[in-house]
C-alpha cells in the first residue's frame, strides 16, 4: 500500500470529520489500526482540529457581559435578573467546532494540493532535463556521424586495414588516418568484448627499428555501440596495432596479446 498517496488523498480528514459512509469509515479504521503511519496522521489531524476549536471558542462570557453592562451605564440596583433555563446544548460551541472542522479540512486539502503540485513540477523538471540530455546526445551523435562520413569520403584519408594475428585470426579492425588533422578514426567492430580487468590499447608503430608508441586505451569499448573511436595521432606511423592489456594500459605492448596489426602502404 502507498501510505504517502493514501495520506495525501484527504480521506483521513474526512474520516476524522465523520463525513464518510459507515462502510468507508470501517475500512479506514481497519487501515489505521494496521499502519502506524496512518494512526499518527489521524492523531495529528485531531490535535489540529482541537487546537483550532479552542482558538475559536468563547472563554470569557462573564467578562464580556460585565463590560457590556458597564458600557450601558447600568447600576447594580437597576438590573433585574431573569432566570433562564440553561440550554441542554451549547449551540455556539457546536457551531465553533463545525467551523473549525471545515477550516481544518480546507487547510489540509490545500496543503495536500500544494504537495501534489510541487511533486508534479518536480517530475516535469526531471523529464525536461532528461529530454534536453537526449536532444544533446542526439545532436552530438549526428555531428559525429557527419564528421565520420566526411572522413570516409575524403580521398586524402589513409585507410589501413588491421588483420587478426596469431591466435586471434578471426579479429579485425580498420584505421582511417587523417594526417592533416593528426587524428585517426578506428573502427574496432571486429574485436570481441574484452574480459573483465582487461582493455584494448592502440599502438602507432615505426618498423625500423620497431618502436611502439601508445595512442591510448579504448576504455569505453563495451559501452560504445558503434565501436568507432577518434584518437589523436601526431606520429609518423608506419603501422598500427591493437593489443589486450590490463586496465590502465601498459608501457609496452604485450605481443602475446596482439589482436590486430596493419601496415601503412604508400598507396593508401
C-alpha atoms as a PDB file:
ATOM      1  CA  UNK A   1       0.000   0.000   0.000  1.00  0.00           C
ATOM      2  CA  UNK A   2       1.247   3.505  -0.864  1.00  0.00           C
ATOM      3  CA  UNK A   3       0.948   5.161   2.558  1.00  0.00           C
ATOM      4  CA  UNK A   4       2.028   8.592   1.292  1.00  0.00           C
ATOM      5  CA  UNK A   5      -0.547   8.645  -1.516  1.00  0.00           C
ATOM      6  CA  UNK A   6      -3.289   7.475   0.868  1.00  0.00           C
ATOM      7  CA  UNK A   7      -2.488  10.276   3.333  1.00  0.00           C
ATOM      8  CA  UNK A   8      -2.399  12.896   0.576  1.00  0.00           C
ATOM      9  CA  UNK A   9      -5.817  11.764  -0.740  1.00  0.00           C
ATOM     10  CA  UNK A  10      -7.595  13.622   2.103  1.00  0.00           C
ATOM     11  CA  UNK A  11      -9.655  10.626   3.199  1.00  0.00           C
ATOM     12  CA  UNK A  12      -8.222  10.730   6.742  1.00  0.00           C
ATOM     13  CA  UNK A  13      -9.512  14.283   7.225  1.00  0.00           C
ATOM     14  CA  UNK A  14     -12.978  13.148   6.129  1.00  0.00           C
ATOM     15  CA  UNK A  15     -12.699  10.183   8.490  1.00  0.00           C
ATOM     16  CA  UNK A  16     -11.932  12.439  11.456  1.00  0.00           C
ATOM     17  CA  UNK A  17     -14.759  14.775  10.471  1.00  0.00           C
ATOM     18  CA  UNK A  18     -17.221  11.862  10.267  1.00  0.00           C
ATOM     19  CA  UNK A  19     -18.019  12.668   6.637  1.00  0.00           C
ATOM     20  CA  UNK A  20     -17.561   9.113   5.353  1.00  0.00           C
ATOM     21  CA  UNK A  21     -20.144   6.408   4.958  1.00  0.00           C
ATOM     22  CA  UNK A  22     -20.272   3.624   7.548  1.00  0.00           C
ATOM     23  CA  UNK A  23     -18.549   1.197   5.158  1.00  0.00           C
ATOM     24  CA  UNK A  24     -15.824   3.689   4.294  1.00  0.00           C
ATOM     25  CA  UNK A  25     -15.255   4.542   7.965  1.00  0.00           C
ATOM     26  CA  UNK A  26     -14.822   0.862   8.822  1.00  0.00           C
ATOM     27  CA  UNK A  27     -12.298   0.436   6.012  1.00  0.00           C
ATOM     28  CA  UNK A  28     -10.311   3.472   7.143  1.00  0.00           C
ATOM     29  CA  UNK A  29     -10.488   2.360  10.772  1.00  0.00           C
ATOM     30  CA  UNK A  30      -9.070  -1.052   9.830  1.00  0.00           C
ATOM     31  CA  UNK A  31      -6.199   0.535   7.903  1.00  0.00           C
ATOM     32  CA  UNK A  32      -5.445   2.974  10.738  1.00  0.00           C
ATOM     33  CA  UNK A  33      -5.107   0.061  13.153  1.00  0.00           C
ATOM     34  CA  UNK A  34      -2.909  -1.786  10.674  1.00  0.00           C
ATOM     35  CA  UNK A  35      -0.496   1.020   9.752  1.00  0.00           C
ATOM     36  CA  UNK A  36       1.143   3.150  12.497  1.00  0.00           C
ATOM     37  CA  UNK A  37       1.797   5.943   9.967  1.00  0.00           C
ATOM     38  CA  UNK A  38      -1.933   6.346   9.358  1.00  0.00           C
ATOM     39  CA  UNK A  39      -2.684   6.269  13.095  1.00  0.00           C
ATOM     40  CA  UNK A  40      -0.125   9.021  13.697  1.00  0.00           C
ATOM     41  CA  UNK A  41      -1.624  11.114  10.879  1.00  0.00           C
ATOM     42  CA  UNK A  42      -5.131  10.754  12.366  1.00  0.00           C
ATOM     43  CA  UNK A  43      -3.851  11.843  15.786  1.00  0.00           C
ATOM     44  CA  UNK A  44      -2.204  14.906  14.259  1.00  0.00           C
ATOM     45  CA  UNK A  45      -5.401  15.829  12.395  1.00  0.00           C
ATOM     46  CA  UNK A  46      -7.445  15.527  15.620  1.00  0.00           C
ATOM     47  CA  UNK A  47      -4.930  17.644  17.536  1.00  0.00           C
ATOM     48  CA  UNK A  48      -5.010  20.320  14.843  1.00  0.00           C
ATOM     49  CA  UNK A  49      -8.820  20.441  14.906  1.00  0.00           C
ATOM     50  CA  UNK A  50      -8.886  20.657  18.720  1.00  0.00           C
ATOM     51  CA  UNK A  51      -6.371  23.500  18.636  1.00  0.00           C
ATOM     52  CA  UNK A  52      -8.449  25.399  16.095  1.00  0.00           C
ATOM     53  CA  UNK A  53     -11.616  24.816  18.089  1.00  0.00           C
ATOM     54  CA  UNK A  54     -10.085  26.126  21.288  1.00  0.00           C
ATOM     55  CA  UNK A  55      -8.889  29.194  19.435  1.00  0.00           C
ATOM     56  CA  UNK A  56     -12.440  29.972  18.242  1.00  0.00           C
ATOM     57  CA  UNK A  57     -14.377  29.129  21.450  1.00  0.00           C
ATOM     58  CA  UNK A  58     -15.809  31.785  23.778  1.00  0.00           C
ATOM     59  CA  UNK A  59     -13.992  31.524  27.113  1.00  0.00           C
ATOM     60  CA  UNK A  60     -14.737  34.880  28.662  1.00  0.00           C
ATOM     61  CA  UNK A  61     -18.522  35.197  28.569  1.00  0.00           C
ATOM     62  CA  UNK A  62     -18.756  36.648  32.078  1.00  0.00           C
ATOM     63  CA  UNK A  63     -16.122  39.293  31.456  1.00  0.00           C
ATOM     64  CA  UNK A  64     -17.780  40.257  28.195  1.00  0.00           C
ATOM     65  CA  UNK A  65     -21.167  40.621  29.909  1.00  0.00           C
ATOM     66  CA  UNK A  66     -19.685  42.855  32.618  1.00  0.00           C
ATOM     67  CA  UNK A  67     -18.021  45.042  30.003  1.00  0.00           C
ATOM     68  CA  UNK A  68     -21.278  45.467  28.079  1.00  0.00           C
ATOM     69  CA  UNK A  69     -23.174  46.311  31.251  1.00  0.00           C
ATOM     70  CA  UNK A  70     -20.643  48.980  32.190  1.00  0.00           C
ATOM     71  CA  UNK A  71     -20.791  50.486  28.713  1.00  0.00           C
ATOM     72  CA  UNK A  72     -24.592  50.780  29.013  1.00  0.00           C
ATOM     73  CA  UNK A  73     -24.190  52.517  32.440  1.00  0.00           C
ATOM     74  CA  UNK A  74     -26.382  50.073  34.349  1.00  0.00           C
ATOM     75  CA  UNK A  75     -26.144  50.188  38.128  1.00  0.00           C
ATOM     76  CA  UNK A  76     -26.403  47.211  40.363  1.00  0.00           C
ATOM     77  CA  UNK A  77     -29.834  48.236  41.708  1.00  0.00           C
ATOM     78  CA  UNK A  78     -31.155  48.841  38.215  1.00  0.00           C
ATOM     79  CA  UNK A  79     -30.529  45.366  36.955  1.00  0.00           C
ATOM     80  CA  UNK A  80     -33.144  42.710  37.018  1.00  0.00           C
ATOM     81  CA  UNK A  81     -32.022  39.162  36.849  1.00  0.00           C
ATOM     82  CA  UNK A  82     -34.290  36.898  34.903  1.00  0.00           C
ATOM     83  CA  UNK A  83     -33.760  33.237  35.404  1.00  0.00           C
ATOM     84  CA  UNK A  84     -33.490  31.405  32.153  1.00  0.00           C
ATOM     85  CA  UNK A  85     -33.191  27.668  31.945  1.00  0.00           C
ATOM     86  CA  UNK A  86     -29.786  26.670  30.644  1.00  0.00           C
ATOM     87  CA  UNK A  87     -29.954  25.145  27.221  1.00  0.00           C
ATOM     88  CA  UNK A  88     -29.189  21.481  27.133  1.00  0.00           C
ATOM     89  CA  UNK A  89     -26.966  22.039  24.119  1.00  0.00           C
ATOM     90  CA  UNK A  90     -24.344  24.726  23.674  1.00  0.00           C
ATOM     91  CA  UNK A  91     -25.024  25.553  20.023  1.00  0.00           C
ATOM     92  CA  UNK A  92     -22.342  28.240  19.923  1.00  0.00           C
ATOM     93  CA  UNK A  93     -19.721  25.693  20.893  1.00  0.00           C
ATOM     94  CA  UNK A  94     -21.023  23.176  18.376  1.00  0.00           C
ATOM     95  CA  UNK A  95     -21.038  25.807  15.666  1.00  0.00           C
ATOM     96  CA  UNK A  96     -17.447  26.679  16.518  1.00  0.00           C
ATOM     97  CA  UNK A  97     -16.473  23.031  16.343  1.00  0.00           C
ATOM     98  CA  UNK A  98     -18.143  22.652  12.952  1.00  0.00           C
ATOM     99  CA  UNK A  99     -16.469  25.764  11.603  1.00  0.00           C
ATOM    100  CA  UNK A 100     -13.115  24.578  12.934  1.00  0.00           C
ATOM    101  CA  UNK A 101     -13.524  21.179  11.316  1.00  0.00           C
ATOM    102  CA  UNK A 102     -14.412  22.748   7.974  1.00  0.00           C
ATOM    103  CA  UNK A 103     -11.473  25.146   8.258  1.00  0.00           C
ATOM    104  CA  UNK A 104      -9.085  22.318   9.178  1.00  0.00           C
ATOM    105  CA  UNK A 105     -10.271  20.163   6.299  1.00  0.00           C
ATOM    106  CA  UNK A 106      -9.826  23.093   3.954  1.00  0.00           C
ATOM    107  CA  UNK A 107      -6.298  23.698   5.217  1.00  0.00           C
ATOM    108  CA  UNK A 108      -5.308  20.051   4.919  1.00  0.00           C
ATOM    109  CA  UNK A 109      -6.817  19.828   1.450  1.00  0.00           C
ATOM    110  CA  UNK A 110      -4.894  22.926   0.387  1.00  0.00           C
ATOM    111  CA  UNK A 111      -1.645  21.546   1.808  1.00  0.00           C
ATOM    112  CA  UNK A 112      -2.170  18.248   0.015  1.00  0.00           C
ATOM    113  CA  UNK A 113      -2.887  20.047  -3.240  1.00  0.00           C
ATOM    114  CA  UNK A 114       0.279  22.115  -2.826  1.00  0.00           C
ATOM    115  CA  UNK A 115       2.326  18.958  -2.170  1.00  0.00           C
ATOM    116  CA  UNK A 116       0.874  17.309  -5.268  1.00  0.00           C
ATOM    117  CA  UNK A 117       1.581  20.423  -7.350  1.00  0.00           C
ATOM    118  CA  UNK A 118       5.185  20.551  -6.116  1.00  0.00           C
ATOM    119  CA  UNK A 119       5.592  16.865  -6.955  1.00  0.00           C
ATOM    120  CA  UNK A 120       4.187  17.418 -10.452  1.00  0.00           C
ATOM    121  CA  UNK A 121       6.501  20.378 -11.019  1.00  0.00           C
ATOM    122  CA  UNK A 122       9.489  18.319  -9.881  1.00  0.00           C
ATOM    123  CA  UNK A 123       8.532  15.478 -12.238  1.00  0.00           C
ATOM    124  CA  UNK A 124       8.143  17.875 -15.151  1.00  0.00           C
ATOM    125  CA  UNK A 125      11.547  19.403 -14.374  1.00  0.00           C
ATOM    126  CA  UNK A 126      13.193  15.978 -14.302  1.00  0.00           C
ATOM    127  CA  UNK A 127      11.527  14.964 -17.571  1.00  0.00           C
ATOM    128  CA  UNK A 128      12.591  18.250 -19.175  1.00  0.00           C
ATOM    129  CA  UNK A 129      16.219  17.748 -18.091  1.00  0.00           C
ATOM    130  CA  UNK A 130      16.186  14.167 -19.370  1.00  0.00           C
ATOM    131  CA  UNK A 131      14.735  15.310 -22.702  1.00  0.00           C
ATOM    132  CA  UNK A 132      17.406  18.013 -23.001  1.00  0.00           C
ATOM    133  CA  UNK A 133      20.095  15.386 -22.403  1.00  0.00           C
ATOM    134  CA  UNK A 134      18.584  13.163 -25.083  1.00  0.00           C
ATOM    135  CA  UNK A 135      18.488  16.038 -27.565  1.00  0.00           C
ATOM    136  CA  UNK A 136      22.082  16.950 -26.724  1.00  0.00           C
ATOM    137  CA  UNK A 137      23.191  13.332 -27.174  1.00  0.00           C
ATOM    138  CA  UNK A 138      21.303  13.087 -30.475  1.00  0.00           C
ATOM    139  CA  UNK A 139      22.917  16.278 -31.751  1.00  0.00           C
ATOM    140  CA  UNK A 140      26.333  15.007 -30.676  1.00  0.00           C
ATOM    141  CA  UNK A 141      25.773  11.677 -32.420  1.00  0.00           C
ATOM    142  CA  UNK A 142      24.610  13.479 -35.559  1.00  0.00           C
ATOM    143  CA  UNK A 143      27.719  15.672 -35.603  1.00  0.00           C
ATOM    144  CA  UNK A 144      29.929  12.612 -35.084  1.00  0.00           C
ATOM    145  CA  UNK A 145      28.181  10.837 -37.943  1.00  0.00           C
ATOM    146  CA  UNK A 146      28.640  13.821 -40.263  1.00  0.00           C
ATOM    147  CA  UNK A 147      32.334  14.018 -39.346  1.00  0.00           C
ATOM    148  CA  UNK A 148      32.827  10.310 -39.981  1.00  0.00           C
ATOM    149  CA  UNK A 149      31.051  10.457 -43.336  1.00  0.00           C
ATOM    150  CA  UNK A 150      33.240  13.350 -44.443  1.00  0.00           C
ATOM    151  CA  UNK A 151      36.346  11.375 -43.419  1.00  0.00           C
ATOM    152  CA  UNK A 152      35.269   8.245 -45.294  1.00  0.00           C
ATOM    153  CA  UNK A 153      34.622  10.271 -48.448  1.00  0.00           C
ATOM    154  CA  UNK A 154      37.886  12.216 -48.275  1.00  0.00           C
ATOM    155  CA  UNK A 155      40.436  10.967 -50.844  1.00  0.00           C
ATOM    156  CA  UNK A 156      43.271  12.265 -48.669  1.00  0.00           C
ATOM    157  CA  UNK A 157      42.371   9.906 -45.828  1.00  0.00           C
ATOM    158  CA  UNK A 158      44.733   6.935 -45.470  1.00  0.00           C
ATOM    159  CA  UNK A 159      42.926   3.666 -44.867  1.00  0.00           C
ATOM    160  CA  UNK A 160      44.815   0.949 -43.015  1.00  0.00           C
ATOM    161  CA  UNK A 161      43.176  -2.498 -42.592  1.00  0.00           C
ATOM    162  CA  UNK A 162      44.241  -4.306 -39.416  1.00  0.00           C
ATOM    163  CA  UNK A 163      44.182  -8.099 -39.745  1.00  0.00           C
ATOM    164  CA  UNK A 164      43.909 -10.666 -36.964  1.00  0.00           C
ATOM    165  CA  UNK A 165      47.181 -12.048 -35.579  1.00  0.00           C
ATOM    166  CA  UNK A 166      48.335 -15.337 -34.029  1.00  0.00           C
ATOM    167  CA  UNK A 167      45.538 -16.929 -32.034  1.00  0.00           C
ATOM    168  CA  UNK A 168      43.191 -14.084 -32.933  1.00  0.00           C
ATOM    169  CA  UNK A 169      42.847 -14.573 -36.691  1.00  0.00           C
ATOM    170  CA  UNK A 170      39.089 -14.014 -36.518  1.00  0.00           C
ATOM    171  CA  UNK A 171      39.532 -10.444 -35.321  1.00  0.00           C
ATOM    172  CA  UNK A 172      39.915  -7.366 -37.497  1.00  0.00           C
ATOM    173  CA  UNK A 173      39.795  -3.570 -37.389  1.00  0.00           C
ATOM    174  CA  UNK A 174      40.380  -0.596 -39.662  1.00  0.00           C
ATOM    175  CA  UNK A 175      42.124   2.738 -39.267  1.00  0.00           C
ATOM    176  CA  UNK A 176      41.188   5.917 -41.158  1.00  0.00           C
ATOM    177  CA  UNK A 177      44.173   8.252 -40.800  1.00  0.00           C
ATOM    178  CA  UNK A 178      43.563  11.977 -41.241  1.00  0.00           C
ATOM    179  CA  UNK A 179      47.135  13.249 -41.424  1.00  0.00           C
ATOM    180  CA  UNK A 180      46.135  16.887 -41.847  1.00  0.00           C
ATOM    181  CA  UNK A 181      44.162  16.875 -38.595  1.00  0.00           C
ATOM    182  CA  UNK A 182      46.641  14.492 -36.893  1.00  0.00           C
ATOM    183  CA  UNK A 183      43.957  12.030 -35.889  1.00  0.00           C
ATOM    184  CA  UNK A 184      42.715   8.570 -36.701  1.00  0.00           C
ATOM    185  CA  UNK A 185      39.266   7.038 -36.690  1.00  0.00           C
ATOM    186  CA  UNK A 186      39.457   3.439 -35.500  1.00  0.00           C
ATOM    187  CA  UNK A 187      36.673   1.053 -36.485  1.00  0.00           C
ATOM    188  CA  UNK A 188      37.022  -1.707 -33.865  1.00  0.00           C
ATOM    189  CA  UNK A 189      33.757  -3.556 -34.541  1.00  0.00           C
ATOM    190  CA  UNK A 190      35.743  -6.721 -35.372  1.00  0.00           C
ATOM    191  CA  UNK A 191      37.120  -7.067 -31.843  1.00  0.00           C
ATOM    192  CA  UNK A 192      35.377  -9.191 -29.194  1.00  0.00           C
ATOM    193  CA  UNK A 193      34.352  -7.742 -25.845  1.00  0.00           C
ATOM    194  CA  UNK A 194      37.422  -7.657 -23.588  1.00  0.00           C
ATOM    195  CA  UNK A 195      37.350  -9.818 -20.447  1.00  0.00           C
ATOM    196  CA  UNK A 196      36.927  -8.235 -17.033  1.00  0.00           C
ATOM    197  CA  UNK A 197      40.047  -6.382 -15.897  1.00  0.00           C
ATOM    198  CA  UNK A 198      41.364  -6.022 -19.441  1.00  0.00           C
ATOM    199  CA  UNK A 199      41.287  -3.221 -22.011  1.00  0.00           C
ATOM    200  CA  UNK A 200      42.311  -2.770 -25.637  1.00  0.00           C
ATOM    201  CA  UNK A 201      45.302  -0.492 -26.244  1.00  0.00           C
ATOM    202  CA  UNK A 202      46.083   1.109 -29.611  1.00  0.00           C
ATOM    203  CA  UNK A 203      49.686   1.486 -30.848  1.00  0.00           C
ATOM    204  CA  UNK A 204      51.403   3.571 -33.509  1.00  0.00           C
ATOM    205  CA  UNK A 205      54.483   1.719 -34.820  1.00  0.00           C
ATOM    206  CA  UNK A 206      57.631   2.567 -36.714  1.00  0.00           C
ATOM    207  CA  UNK A 207      59.196  -0.554 -38.190  1.00  0.00           C
ATOM    208  CA  UNK A 208      62.947   0.023 -38.418  1.00  0.00           C
ATOM    209  CA  UNK A 209      63.742  -0.149 -35.642  1.00  0.00           C
ATOM    210  CA  UNK A 210      60.426  -1.412 -34.241  1.00  0.00           C
ATOM    211  CA  UNK A 211      59.214   1.364 -31.939  1.00  0.00           C
ATOM    212  CA  UNK A 212      55.711   1.314 -30.442  1.00  0.00           C
ATOM    213  CA  UNK A 213      54.019   4.486 -29.221  1.00  0.00           C
ATOM    214  CA  UNK A 214      50.779   4.179 -27.257  1.00  0.00           C
ATOM    215  CA  UNK A 215      47.769   6.047 -28.641  1.00  0.00           C
ATOM    216  CA  UNK A 216      45.709   5.224 -25.563  1.00  0.00           C
ATOM    217  CA  UNK A 217      43.226   2.620 -24.367  1.00  0.00           C
ATOM    218  CA  UNK A 218      39.657   2.003 -25.510  1.00  0.00           C
ATOM    219  CA  UNK A 219      38.081   2.401 -22.075  1.00  0.00           C
ATOM    220  CA  UNK A 220      34.555   2.879 -23.454  1.00  0.00           C
ATOM    221  CA  UNK A 221      34.705  -0.111 -25.795  1.00  0.00           C
ATOM    222  CA  UNK A 222      31.898  -2.030 -24.067  1.00  0.00           C
ATOM    223  CA  UNK A 223      29.509   0.921 -23.796  1.00  0.00           C
ATOM    224  CA  UNK A 224      30.200   2.338 -27.270  1.00  0.00           C
ATOM    225  CA  UNK A 225      27.571   0.907 -29.608  1.00  0.00           C
ATOM    226  CA  UNK A 226      29.267   1.945 -32.842  1.00  0.00           C
ATOM    227  CA  UNK A 227      32.780   0.838 -31.803  1.00  0.00           C
ATOM    228  CA  UNK A 228      34.264   3.791 -33.704  1.00  0.00           C
ATOM    229  CA  UNK A 229      36.848   5.844 -31.815  1.00  0.00           C
ATOM    230  CA  UNK A 230      38.506   9.154 -32.678  1.00  0.00           C
ATOM    231  CA  UNK A 231      42.128   9.169 -31.475  1.00  0.00           C
ATOM    232  CA  UNK A 232      44.832  11.822 -31.755  1.00  0.00           C
ATOM    233  CA  UNK A 233      47.950  10.699 -33.614  1.00  0.00           C
ATOM    234  CA  UNK A 234      50.903  13.060 -34.118  1.00  0.00           C
ATOM    235  CA  UNK A 235      53.312  10.246 -35.056  1.00  0.00           C
ATOM    236  CA  UNK A 236      54.863   9.338 -38.388  1.00  0.00           C
ATOM    237  CA  UNK A 237      53.177   5.977 -38.189  1.00  0.00           C
ATOM    238  CA  UNK A 238      54.274   3.084 -40.385  1.00  0.00           C
ATOM    239  CA  UNK A 239      51.836   0.588 -38.846  1.00  0.00           C
ATOM    240  CA  UNK A 240      49.055   0.337 -36.294  1.00  0.00           C
ATOM    241  CA  UNK A 241      48.356  -2.449 -33.809  1.00  0.00           C
ATOM    242  CA  UNK A 242      45.900  -3.319 -31.072  1.00  0.00           C
ATOM    243  CA  UNK A 243      46.773  -5.399 -28.016  1.00  0.00           C
ATOM    244  CA  UNK A 244      44.851  -6.567 -24.964  1.00  0.00           C
ATOM    245  CA  UNK A 245      46.345  -5.114 -21.780  1.00  0.00           C
ATOM    246  CA  UNK A 246      45.496  -4.831 -18.081  1.00  0.00           C
ATOM    247  CA  UNK A 247      43.189  -1.964 -17.147  1.00  0.00           C
ATOM    248  CA  UNK A 248      45.095   1.307 -17.280  1.00  0.00           C
ATOM    249  CA  UNK A 249      47.244   0.152 -20.187  1.00  0.00           C
ATOM    250  CA  UNK A 250      50.898  -0.867 -20.485  1.00  0.00           C
ATOM    251  CA  UNK A 251      54.138   0.967 -21.248  1.00  0.00           C
ATOM    252  CA  UNK A 252      54.966  -1.549 -23.987  1.00  0.00           C
ATOM    253  CA  UNK A 253      52.657  -3.846 -25.970  1.00  0.00           C
ATOM    254  CA  UNK A 254      52.115  -7.424 -24.846  1.00  0.00           C
ATOM    255  CA  UNK A 255      52.958  -9.236 -28.079  1.00  0.00           C
ATOM    256  CA  UNK A 256      51.264 -12.464 -26.951  1.00  0.00           C
ATOM    257  CA  UNK A 257      48.034 -10.445 -26.833  1.00  0.00           C
ATOM    258  CA  UNK A 258      48.452  -8.751 -30.226  1.00  0.00           C
ATOM    259  CA  UNK A 259      44.962  -8.948 -31.720  1.00  0.00           C
ATOM    260  CA  UNK A 260      45.306  -6.942 -34.926  1.00  0.00           C
ATOM    261  CA  UNK A 261      48.111  -5.361 -36.948  1.00  0.00           C
ATOM    262  CA  UNK A 262      48.194  -3.341 -40.168  1.00  0.00           C
ATOM    263  CA  UNK A 263      50.988  -1.715 -42.118  1.00  0.00           C
ATOM    264  CA  UNK A 264      50.564   1.678 -43.772  1.00  0.00           C
ATOM    265  CA  UNK A 265      51.163   1.274 -47.510  1.00  0.00           C
ATOM    266  CA  UNK A 266      52.493   4.070 -49.665  1.00  0.00           C
ATOM    267  CA  UNK A 267      49.463   3.992 -51.986  1.00  0.00           C
ATOM    268  CA  UNK A 268      46.908   4.018 -49.130  1.00  0.00           C
END
